[in-house]
């Protein structure tokens, strides 16, 4: 595979990527790209997006398109911060590598050395799983209750975390999951004595001059020009019903940033751990990050993911090594990638997910094709028109999908407090002729689908919802299905007649 194969071979032997760096010669017509992207964005009716492009140690282009909010419609700029979701993992990994440089963490030491409460159902794996293993998702650890509590409800303190940890699913082979990095965040805290957000602030954001990056939702949404998370509802863009809170900002997905700051993040990696004459990580640390650890051999659209380093995917785009990580959440999408051998990189963020995510990745592909002198193979206009038509058909199909709840008894019969030792507390309240539920920070609305089943609409998707009765009263509420079911027992049972 031409250059990619050569670079990957160099990485495998632990030699510097710079040994095969190749200068990019193509002149890029940025105004033409702007017109291409803006025309497509308008055709699709998408809200806002911003992009920054790095070459060597310089930001050679940055621009914003569309709006960061709906009321009023204010321009989305390269300085506009937005939630960047799983791109956070690359920062947590970097923090670990800084602590390695400082001699406070060793990659191949068992995690339990730093987290004495760490315990899995497999005693042998508990004793031997290492920091390096977590950094590359080697054993495929996943735990739905912890994931839900950390990312959605916000009801996750250390006691809850370590009580649920022994129930973790262990795939035994590579599988991407937040749990690996929320564990690493706890390693950072245990070793440094600081919350992971404060550690990154003091050791990365401040010294790098990343003034638009934060691990606190309260700080992110306090920026005057912050991107408003948006979703498409009833034919128009509207503020998302769920957005991040301080309690749901975790070390696997808990940062907000701007493309201007993410360009600094790319420069730091392209230039061996140095940014603006400040060394934040040793060159050996950067090389370690880019060393292949596992072979997921997957892909995302046209971006291959042949291998994984420490927190970053080591894949390819048209045979060139592409180091990358993306992030997505309701009302937010982020793409950060770079080609070490060509010394170019791209950061893009948007204030919507779903259709906007593919628009973001097509913008990125355009950049790499343009810089490497390749034709822009995809018709962005054709793509935009196709996506618009698909969205229109889906809207027509979705209109009758959500039907009135129409429960047999008055809605107040079902309202109340439901408790669960594992999931904490569910509160159901009557609002606008339906039931609205809350589990911590997660809010959802109950409705009936076309088949007549009750469902809960939230950022988790439309989840099955069910009431149970006991002795003639509503006694239980359940969300989800199969292994991901959340069961809550009503706090005080009333006395309405049995209905189902």
Protein backbone atom coordinates (compact mmCIF):
# COMPACT_ATOMS: atom_id res chain seq x y z
CA UNK A 1 0.00 0.00 0.00
CA UNK A 2 2.45 2.66 -1.14
CA UNK A 3 3.23 5.37 1.44
CA UNK A 4 0.83 4.06 4.08
CA UNK A 5 2.50 0.68 4.16
CA UNK A 6 5.90 2.30 4.54
CA UNK A 7 4.82 4.58 7.36
CA UNK A 8 3.06 1.79 9.20
CA UNK A 9 6.19 -0.31 8.89
CA UNK A 10 8.20 2.51 10.42
CA UNK A 11 5.71 2.78 13.26
CA UNK A 12 5.85 -0.93 13.90
CA UNK A 13 9.57 -0.69 14.50
CA UNK A 14 9.20 2.30 16.75
CA UNK A 15 11.05 4.75 14.49
CA UNK A 16 9.99 8.38 14.14
CA UNK A 17 7.20 9.10 11.70
CA UNK A 18 9.16 12.14 10.48
CA UNK A 19 11.64 9.85 8.69
CA UNK A 20 9.11 9.44 5.89
CA UNK A 21 7.46 12.85 5.98
CA UNK A 22 6.59 14.11 2.52
CA UNK A 23 5.98 17.74 1.61
CA UNK A 24 2.53 18.53 0.26
CA UNK A 25 2.93 20.32 -3.05
CA UNK A 26 -0.64 20.92 -4.26
CA UNK A 27 -2.02 24.46 -4.15
CA UNK A 28 -5.43 24.40 -2.49
CA UNK A 29 -8.25 26.60 -3.77
CA UNK A 30 -9.89 27.44 -0.46
CA UNK A 31 -12.56 29.76 -1.93
CA UNK A 32 -13.71 26.93 -4.22
CA UNK A 33 -13.94 24.56 -1.25
CA UNK A 34 -15.91 27.16 0.69
CA UNK A 35 -18.44 27.51 -2.10
CA UNK A 36 -18.71 23.73 -2.45
CA UNK A 37 -19.33 23.21 1.27
CA UNK A 38 -21.68 26.14 1.78
CA UNK A 39 -23.81 25.23 -1.22
CA UNK A 40 -24.13 21.65 0.03
CA UNK A 41 -24.90 22.78 3.58
CA UNK A 42 -27.69 25.01 2.32
CA UNK A 43 -29.14 22.28 0.09
CA UNK A 44 -29.25 19.91 3.06
CA UNK A 45 -30.62 22.62 5.34
CA UNK A 46 -27.97 21.91 7.97
CA UNK A 47 -27.28 24.39 10.81
CA UNK A 48 -23.63 25.11 11.71
CA UNK A 49 -20.13 23.76 11.20
CA UNK A 50 -16.57 25.05 11.49
CA UNK A 51 -13.29 23.74 10.16
CA UNK A 52 -9.57 24.32 10.78
CA UNK A 53 -6.73 22.95 8.63
CA UNK A 54 -3.16 22.50 9.84
CA UNK A 55 -0.05 22.19 7.71
CA UNK A 56 3.24 21.65 9.52
CA UNK A 57 3.17 24.02 12.47
CA UNK A 58 0.68 26.46 10.99
CA UNK A 59 -3.08 26.81 10.84
CA UNK A 60 -3.42 27.52 7.12
CA UNK A 61 -7.19 27.82 6.98
CA UNK A 62 -10.16 28.17 9.31
CA UNK A 63 -13.75 29.08 8.58
CA UNK A 64 -17.26 28.77 9.97
CA UNK A 65 -20.48 28.08 8.09
CA UNK A 66 -24.09 28.54 9.08
CA UNK A 67 -25.30 29.33 12.58
CA UNK A 68 -24.48 28.18 16.10
CA UNK A 69 -27.97 28.80 17.46
CA UNK A 70 -31.52 29.03 16.14
CA UNK A 71 -32.85 31.94 18.16
CA UNK A 72 -31.21 34.22 17.31
CA UNK A 73 -29.33 32.80 14.31
CA UNK A 74 -25.74 33.72 15.14
CA UNK A 75 -22.74 32.78 12.99
CA UNK A 76 -20.76 29.60 13.75
CA UNK A 77 -17.07 30.62 13.80
CA UNK A 78 -13.71 28.83 14.28
CA UNK A 79 -13.73 30.20 17.85
CA UNK A 80 -17.17 28.75 18.64
CA UNK A 81 -16.82 25.97 21.24
CA UNK A 82 -18.97 22.85 21.08
CA UNK A 83 -19.14 19.52 22.86
CA UNK A 84 -16.65 17.15 21.18
CA UNK A 85 -17.71 13.86 22.84
CA UNK A 86 -15.29 10.95 22.31
CA UNK A 87 -12.47 13.12 20.97
CA UNK A 88 -11.96 13.55 24.74
CA UNK A 89 -10.31 10.11 24.82
CA UNK A 90 -7.26 11.43 22.97
CA UNK A 91 -6.77 14.04 25.72
CA UNK A 92 -7.15 11.51 28.53
CA UNK A 93 -4.61 9.29 26.76
CA UNK A 94 -2.25 12.26 26.46
CA UNK A 95 -2.59 12.96 30.19
CA UNK A 96 -1.60 9.36 30.92
CA UNK A 97 1.46 9.72 28.68
CA UNK A 98 2.47 12.92 30.49
CA UNK A 99 2.32 11.01 33.76
CA UNK A 100 4.45 8.30 32.12
CA UNK A 101 7.01 10.99 31.22
CA UNK A 102 6.94 12.11 34.86
CA UNK A 103 7.58 8.57 36.09
CA UNK A 104 4.24 8.44 37.91
CA UNK A 105 2.57 5.87 35.64
CA UNK A 106 3.95 2.85 33.80
CA UNK A 107 2.04 1.59 30.79
CA UNK A 108 2.61 -2.09 31.46
CA UNK A 109 1.79 -2.08 35.15
CA UNK A 110 -1.59 -3.56 36.18
CA UNK A 111 -4.38 -1.01 36.59
CA UNK A 112 -5.09 -2.32 40.09
CA UNK A 113 -1.71 -0.84 41.12
CA UNK A 114 -3.22 2.62 40.74
CA UNK A 115 -6.86 1.75 41.45
CA UNK A 116 -6.97 -0.70 44.40
CA UNK A 117 -10.78 -0.93 44.13
CA UNK A 118 -10.55 -2.15 40.52
CA UNK A 119 -12.23 -5.54 40.31
CA UNK A 120 -13.67 -7.59 37.43
CA UNK A 121 -15.45 -10.94 37.58
CA UNK A 122 -12.28 -12.53 36.17
CA UNK A 123 -9.73 -12.46 39.00
CA UNK A 124 -6.83 -13.27 36.69
CA UNK A 125 -7.65 -10.42 34.32
CA UNK A 126 -8.19 -8.09 37.26
CA UNK A 127 -4.62 -8.79 38.34
CA UNK A 128 -2.99 -8.38 34.95
CA UNK A 129 -4.92 -5.89 32.79
CA UNK A 130 -2.62 -2.91 32.26
CA UNK A 131 -2.85 0.80 31.59
CA UNK A 132 -1.74 0.11 28.01
CA UNK A 133 -4.59 -2.40 27.61
CA UNK A 134 -7.13 0.26 28.58
CA UNK A 135 -5.60 2.83 26.23
CA UNK A 136 -6.28 0.61 23.22
CA UNK A 137 -9.54 -1.10 24.33
CA UNK A 138 -7.70 -4.43 24.17
CA UNK A 139 -10.08 -6.63 26.19
CA UNK A 140 -13.42 -5.10 25.20
CA UNK A 141 -14.75 -4.15 28.65
CA UNK A 142 -18.31 -2.81 28.71
CA UNK A 143 -20.77 -2.04 31.46
CA UNK A 144 -24.18 -0.63 30.53
CA UNK A 145 -25.21 0.61 34.02
CA UNK A 146 -21.92 2.48 34.41
CA UNK A 147 -22.07 3.83 30.87
CA UNK A 148 -25.62 5.04 31.34
CA UNK A 149 -24.87 6.64 34.69
CA UNK A 150 -21.72 8.40 33.50
CA UNK A 151 -22.96 9.67 30.13
CA UNK A 152 -26.71 10.16 30.54
CA UNK A 153 -28.14 10.22 34.05
CA UNK A 154 -25.07 11.66 35.78
CA UNK A 155 -25.80 9.49 38.83
CA UNK A 156 -22.36 7.91 39.09
CA UNK A 157 -20.21 8.40 42.15
CA UNK A 158 -17.24 6.17 42.99
CA UNK A 159 -19.28 3.89 45.23
CA UNK A 160 -21.73 3.21 42.41
CA UNK A 161 -18.91 2.79 39.88
CA UNK A 162 -16.93 0.24 41.87
CA UNK A 163 -20.05 -1.60 43.04
CA UNK A 164 -21.13 -2.17 39.43
CA UNK A 165 -17.64 -2.78 37.99
CA UNK A 166 -17.48 -6.51 38.86
CA UNK A 167 -20.53 -7.02 36.62
CA UNK A 168 -18.63 -5.73 33.58
CA UNK A 169 -18.91 -7.72 30.36
CA UNK A 170 -15.52 -8.95 29.13
CA UNK A 171 -15.34 -9.67 25.41
CA UNK A 172 -11.70 -10.72 25.65
CA UNK A 173 -10.77 -9.09 22.33
CA UNK A 174 -10.77 -5.51 21.06
CA UNK A 175 -13.99 -3.60 21.38
CA UNK A 176 -14.43 0.14 21.68
CA UNK A 177 -16.15 1.27 24.89
CA UNK A 178 -16.12 4.32 27.15
CA UNK A 179 -15.37 2.26 30.25
CA UNK A 180 -11.68 1.89 29.34
CA UNK A 181 -11.23 5.66 29.43
CA UNK A 182 -13.38 6.46 32.44
CA UNK A 183 -11.10 4.02 34.26
CA UNK A 184 -8.09 5.90 32.86
CA UNK A 185 -9.58 9.16 34.09
CA UNK A 186 -9.62 7.64 37.55
CA UNK A 187 -5.96 6.66 37.13
CA UNK A 188 -5.12 10.28 36.29
CA UNK A 189 -6.96 11.43 39.39
CA UNK A 190 -5.39 8.81 41.67
CA UNK A 191 -1.85 9.58 40.54
CA UNK A 192 -2.04 13.37 40.12
CA UNK A 193 -4.36 14.15 43.02
CA UNK A 194 -6.52 16.31 40.72
CA UNK A 195 -9.86 15.72 39.00
CA UNK A 196 -9.09 14.76 35.39
CA UNK A 197 -10.62 18.03 34.11
CA UNK A 198 -8.33 20.11 36.33
CA UNK A 199 -5.29 18.05 35.41
CA UNK A 200 -5.91 18.66 31.70
CA UNK A 201 -6.57 22.35 32.32
CA UNK A 202 -3.28 22.82 34.19
CA UNK A 203 -1.06 20.54 32.10
CA UNK A 204 -2.50 20.83 28.59
CA UNK A 205 -5.08 23.56 27.98
CA UNK A 206 -3.34 26.46 29.76
CA UNK A 207 0.22 25.78 28.58
CA UNK A 208 -0.99 25.12 25.03
CA UNK A 209 -3.09 28.29 24.98
CA UNK A 210 -6.32 26.34 24.43
CA UNK A 211 -8.59 28.95 25.95
CA UNK A 212 -11.80 27.59 24.40
CA UNK A 213 -11.46 24.06 25.80
CA UNK A 214 -12.95 22.83 29.07
CA UNK A 215 -14.06 19.67 30.85
CA UNK A 216 -16.92 21.42 32.66
CA UNK A 217 -20.30 21.76 30.97
CA UNK A 218 -21.06 24.76 33.18
CA UNK A 219 -17.98 26.49 31.73
CA UNK A 220 -18.66 25.35 28.16
CA UNK A 221 -22.22 26.71 28.10
CA UNK A 222 -21.10 29.91 29.83
CA UNK A 223 -19.18 30.95 26.70
CA UNK A 224 -21.16 33.70 25.00
CA UNK A 225 -20.65 32.12 21.56
CA UNK A 226 -21.07 28.43 22.47
CA UNK A 227 -22.70 26.16 19.88
CA UNK A 228 -26.24 25.24 20.81
CA UNK A 229 -26.85 21.47 20.40
CA UNK A 230 -29.60 21.14 17.79
CA UNK A 231 -31.93 18.41 16.57
CA UNK A 232 -34.34 18.39 13.62
CA UNK A 233 -37.94 18.24 14.84
CA UNK A 234 -41.21 18.90 13.03
CA UNK A 235 -39.45 20.25 9.96
CA UNK A 236 -37.17 22.70 11.75
CA UNK A 237 -34.01 22.86 13.85
CA UNK A 238 -34.61 23.15 17.58
CA UNK A 239 -32.47 23.06 20.75
CA UNK A 240 -31.80 19.49 21.87
CA UNK A 241 -33.81 18.37 24.88
CA UNK A 242 -30.71 16.78 26.39
CA UNK A 243 -27.35 18.42 26.69
CA UNK A 244 -24.34 17.82 28.86
CA UNK A 245 -24.12 18.72 32.55
CA UNK A 246 -21.08 18.68 34.81
CA UNK A 247 -22.20 15.32 36.16
CA UNK A 248 -22.23 13.74 32.68
CA UNK A 249 -18.84 15.08 31.55
CA UNK A 250 -16.54 12.09 31.95
CA UNK A 251 -13.00 11.21 30.87
CA UNK A 252 -14.20 9.25 27.81
CA UNK A 253 -16.42 12.05 26.51
CA UNK A 254 -16.38 15.18 28.61
CA UNK A 255 -14.75 18.06 26.74
CA UNK A 256 -15.94 21.07 24.84
CA UNK A 257 -13.61 22.77 22.37
CA UNK A 258 -13.37 24.93 19.25
CA UNK A 259 -11.71 24.02 15.96
CA UNK A 260 -9.17 26.73 16.69
CA UNK A 261 -8.12 24.87 19.84
CA UNK A 262 -8.34 21.48 18.13
CA UNK A 263 -5.95 22.79 15.48
CA UNK A 264 -3.49 23.42 18.34
CA UNK A 265 -4.11 19.83 19.48
CA UNK A 266 -3.20 18.56 15.99
CA UNK A 267 -0.09 20.77 15.81
CA UNK A 268 1.05 19.37 19.14
CA UNK A 269 0.95 15.83 17.73
CA UNK A 270 2.40 16.68 14.33
CA UNK A 271 5.38 18.42 15.93
CA UNK A 272 6.56 15.80 18.39
CA UNK A 273 4.86 17.05 21.55
CA UNK A 274 5.82 20.71 21.12
CA UNK A 275 3.45 23.60 20.45
CA UNK A 276 4.46 27.26 20.27
CA UNK A 277 7.92 26.40 21.63
CA UNK A 278 6.44 24.62 24.67
CA UNK A 279 7.10 20.93 25.14
CA UNK A 280 4.10 19.19 26.68
CA UNK A 281 5.12 15.59 25.95
CA UNK A 282 8.38 13.91 25.04
CA UNK A 283 8.96 12.93 21.43
CA UNK A 284 9.17 9.33 22.65
CA UNK A 285 5.72 9.77 24.20
CA UNK A 286 4.23 10.91 20.88
CA UNK A 287 5.88 7.97 19.11
CA UNK A 288 4.42 5.60 21.70
CA UNK A 289 0.96 7.03 21.10
CA UNK A 290 1.34 6.28 17.38
CA UNK A 291 2.60 2.73 17.83
CA UNK A 292 0.07 0.04 16.76
CA UNK A 293 -1.25 -1.91 19.75
CA UNK A 294 -4.25 -3.90 18.48
CA UNK A 295 -5.85 -4.68 15.12
CA UNK A 296 -9.57 -3.83 15.08
CA UNK A 297 -9.47 -3.86 11.25
CA UNK A 298 -12.72 -1.93 10.91
CA UNK A 299 -13.68 1.14 8.95
CA UNK A 300 -15.81 4.24 9.18
CA UNK A 301 -17.07 5.28 5.76
CA UNK A 302 -13.85 5.64 3.72
CA UNK A 303 -11.59 5.92 6.73
CA UNK A 304 -9.94 2.59 7.46
CA UNK A 305 -9.21 1.59 11.02
CA UNK A 306 -6.65 -1.12 10.52
CA UNK A 307 -4.95 -0.65 13.88
CA UNK A 308 -5.19 1.32 17.08
CA UNK A 309 -2.48 3.14 18.96
CA UNK A 310 -2.89 4.67 22.38
CA UNK A 311 -6.31 6.39 22.24
CA UNK A 312 -6.04 7.10 18.48
CA UNK A 313 -7.13 5.01 15.49
CA UNK A 314 -4.31 4.30 13.04
CA UNK A 315 -6.13 3.88 9.78
CA UNK A 316 -5.94 5.08 6.24
CA UNK A 317 -7.58 7.29 3.70
CA UNK A 318 -6.74 6.23 0.14
CA UNK A 319 -3.57 4.44 1.26
CA UNK A 320 -2.20 7.29 3.38
CA UNK A 321 -1.89 6.81 7.12
CA UNK A 322 -4.67 8.71 8.88
CA UNK A 323 -4.51 9.10 12.65
CA UNK A 324 -8.00 9.99 13.77
CA UNK A 325 -10.75 10.06 16.36
CA UNK A 326 -14.35 11.23 16.09
CA UNK A 327 -17.00 12.17 18.62
CA UNK A 328 -20.79 12.22 18.43
CA UNK A 329 -23.67 12.97 20.77
CA UNK A 330 -27.14 14.43 20.42
CA UNK A 331 -26.67 17.84 18.80
CA UNK A 332 -22.90 17.55 18.35
CA UNK A 333 -20.33 15.93 16.07
CA UNK A 334 -16.55 16.27 15.90
CA UNK A 335 -13.78 15.00 13.60
CA UNK A 336 -10.06 15.31 14.40
CA UNK A 337 -7.47 13.68 12.15
CA UNK A 338 -3.97 14.11 10.76
CA UNK A 339 -1.55 12.53 8.29
CA UNK A 340 1.88 12.44 10.00
CA UNK A 341 3.81 11.71 6.80
CA UNK A 342 2.32 14.74 5.03
CA UNK A 343 2.19 17.00 8.10
CA UNK A 344 -1.44 17.96 7.51
CA UNK A 345 -4.48 17.69 9.75
CA UNK A 346 -8.13 18.68 9.95
CA UNK A 347 -10.54 19.51 12.77
CA UNK A 348 -14.27 19.92 12.14
CA UNK A 349 -17.10 20.40 14.63
CA UNK A 350 -20.85 20.75 14.10
CA UNK A 351 -23.85 21.50 16.32
CA UNK A 352 -25.92 18.57 15.09
CA UNK A 353 -25.35 14.85 14.60
CA UNK A 354 -26.93 12.32 12.22
CA UNK A 355 -26.85 13.76 8.65
CA UNK A 356 -24.33 16.42 9.68
CA UNK A 357 -21.80 13.74 10.62
CA UNK A 358 -21.43 12.53 7.04
CA UNK A 359 -21.22 16.12 5.81
CA UNK A 360 -18.36 16.68 8.28
CA UNK A 361 -16.45 13.62 7.06
CA UNK A 362 -16.95 14.54 3.40
CA UNK A 363 -15.52 17.98 4.11
CA UNK A 364 -12.48 16.29 5.62
CA UNK A 365 -12.05 13.98 2.62
CA UNK A 366 -12.18 17.04 0.36
CA UNK A 367 -9.33 18.61 2.33
CA UNK A 368 -7.03 15.60 2.07
CA UNK A 369 -7.82 15.11 -1.62
CA UNK A 370 -7.17 18.78 -2.34
CA UNK A 371 -3.88 18.91 -0.43
CA UNK A 372 -2.60 15.72 -2.05
CA UNK A 373 -3.51 16.85 -5.55
CA UNK A 374 -6.30 14.35 -6.06
CA UNK A 375 -9.59 15.06 -7.81
CA UNK A 376 -12.56 15.65 -5.53
CA UNK A 377 -14.22 12.41 -6.51
CA UNK A 378 -17.55 12.83 -4.77
CA UNK A 379 -20.17 15.25 -5.94
CA UNK A 380 -20.90 17.18 -2.76
CA UNK A 381 -23.93 18.69 -4.46
CA UNK A 382 -25.24 15.25 -5.43
CA UNK A 383 -24.62 13.96 -1.93
CA UNK A 384 -26.46 16.94 -0.44
CA UNK A 385 -29.46 16.52 -2.72
CA UNK A 386 -29.62 12.80 -1.97
CA UNK A 387 -29.47 13.35 1.79
CA UNK A 388 -32.13 16.05 1.56
CA UNK A 389 -34.45 13.71 -0.31
CA UNK A 390 -33.86 10.90 2.18
CA UNK A 391 -34.56 13.26 5.10
CA UNK A 392 -37.78 14.42 3.45
CA UNK A 393 -39.00 10.85 2.97
CA UNK A 394 -38.12 9.97 6.55
CA UNK A 395 -40.01 13.01 7.81
CA UNK A 396 -43.11 11.89 5.89
CA UNK A 397 -42.82 8.41 7.36
CA UNK A 398 -42.11 9.67 10.87
CA UNK A 399 -45.03 12.07 11.08
CA UNK A 400 -47.62 9.45 12.07
CA UNK A 401 -45.05 7.34 13.95
CA UNK A 402 -45.45 9.08 17.29
CA UNK A 403 -48.97 8.76 18.51
CA UNK A 404 -50.73 10.00 21.59
CA UNK A 405 -49.97 7.96 24.69
CA UNK A 406 -53.65 7.09 25.35
CA UNK A 407 -53.22 5.10 28.55
CA UNK A 408 -56.29 3.35 30.01
CA UNK A 409 -56.19 5.41 33.21
CA UNK A 410 -55.66 9.11 33.88
CA UNK A 411 -52.01 10.06 33.42
CA UNK A 412 -51.67 11.09 37.07
CA UNK A 413 -52.24 7.42 37.94
CA UNK A 414 -48.82 6.59 36.51
CA UNK A 415 -46.97 9.69 37.70
CA UNK A 416 -44.72 9.39 40.71
CA UNK A 417 -41.34 8.23 41.96
CA UNK A 418 -39.88 4.83 41.05
CA UNK A 419 -36.66 3.52 42.59
CA UNK A 420 -33.91 1.09 41.62
CA UNK A 421 -30.78 0.11 43.50
CA UNK A 422 -28.90 -0.17 40.21
CA UNK A 423 -30.37 2.76 38.26
CA UNK A 424 -31.29 5.11 41.13
CA UNK A 425 -34.54 7.07 40.69
CA UNK A 426 -37.08 7.51 37.89
CA UNK A 427 -39.58 10.36 38.20
CA UNK A 428 -42.66 10.46 35.95
CA UNK A 429 -44.68 13.67 35.71
CA UNK A 430 -47.63 14.80 33.64
CA UNK A 431 -46.79 17.44 31.06
CA UNK A 432 -48.69 18.59 27.96
CA UNK A 433 -51.09 15.66 27.91
CA UNK A 434 -48.34 13.03 28.16
CA UNK A 435 -45.84 11.59 30.65
CA UNK A 436 -42.31 12.95 30.90
CA UNK A 437 -39.67 10.93 32.71
CA UNK A 438 -36.39 11.84 34.37
CA UNK A 439 -33.53 9.60 35.44
CA UNK A 440 -31.01 12.08 36.77
CA UNK A 441 -30.18 14.42 33.89
CA UNK A 442 -31.80 12.18 31.25
CA UNK A 443 -35.27 13.34 30.18
CA UNK A 444 -37.65 11.42 27.91
CA UNK A 445 -41.23 11.62 26.65
CA UNK A 446 -43.56 8.63 26.48
CA UNK A 447 -45.58 7.96 23.32
CA UNK A 448 -47.10 5.05 21.40
CA UNK A 449 -45.54 3.87 18.15
CA UNK A 450 -47.40 2.63 15.07
CA UNK A 451 -47.76 -0.84 16.56
CA UNK A 452 -49.33 0.57 19.73
CA UNK A 453 -46.30 -0.12 21.94
CA UNK A 454 -45.27 2.45 24.56
CA UNK A 455 -41.82 3.91 23.95
CA UNK A 456 -39.54 6.42 25.65
CA UNK A 457 -38.04 9.03 23.33
CA UNK A 458 -34.61 10.27 24.45
CA UNK A 459 -31.03 10.69 23.27
CA UNK A 460 -30.70 6.91 23.72
CA UNK A 461 -33.21 6.43 20.91
CA UNK A 462 -36.78 5.20 21.20
CA UNK A 463 -36.60 2.64 23.98
CA UNK A 464 -39.41 0.19 24.85
CA UNK A 465 -41.27 1.24 27.99
CA UNK A 466 -43.59 -0.85 30.08
CA UNK A 467 -45.70 -0.55 33.22
CA UNK A 468 -46.42 -3.50 35.51
CA UNK A 469 -49.11 -3.91 38.14
CA UNK A 470 -49.37 -5.69 41.46
CA UNK A 471 -52.46 -6.09 43.64
CA UNK A 472 -54.43 -3.78 41.44
CA UNK A 473 -51.94 -0.92 41.33
CA UNK A 474 -49.14 0.33 39.07
CA UNK A 475 -46.07 -1.06 40.76
CA UNK A 476 -43.17 -1.02 38.31
CA UNK A 477 -41.79 0.79 35.24
CA UNK A 478 -39.21 -0.67 32.86
CA UNK A 479 -37.14 1.03 30.15
CA UNK A 480 -35.25 -0.86 27.43
CA UNK A 481 -35.09 -4.52 26.60
CA UNK A 482 -33.07 -7.69 27.07
CA UNK A 483 -29.70 -7.14 28.77
CA UNK A 484 -30.15 -3.35 28.84
CA UNK A 485 -33.46 -3.25 30.66
CA UNK A 486 -33.81 -0.73 33.50
CA UNK A 487 -36.34 -1.77 36.13
CA UNK A 488 -37.80 0.67 38.70
CA UNK A 489 -40.20 -0.11 41.57
CA UNK A 490 -42.80 2.46 42.47
CA UNK A 491 -42.17 4.20 45.76
CA UNK A 492 -45.81 4.40 46.85
CA UNK A 493 -48.44 2.16 45.27
CA UNK A 494 -51.91 3.65 44.82
CA UNK A 495 -55.14 1.76 44.36
CA UNK A 496 -56.43 2.11 40.77
CA UNK A 497 -57.90 -0.94 39.06
CA UNK A 498 -55.68 -3.38 37.20
CA UNK A 499 -55.29 -2.43 33.54
CA UNK A 500 -52.37 -4.48 32.19
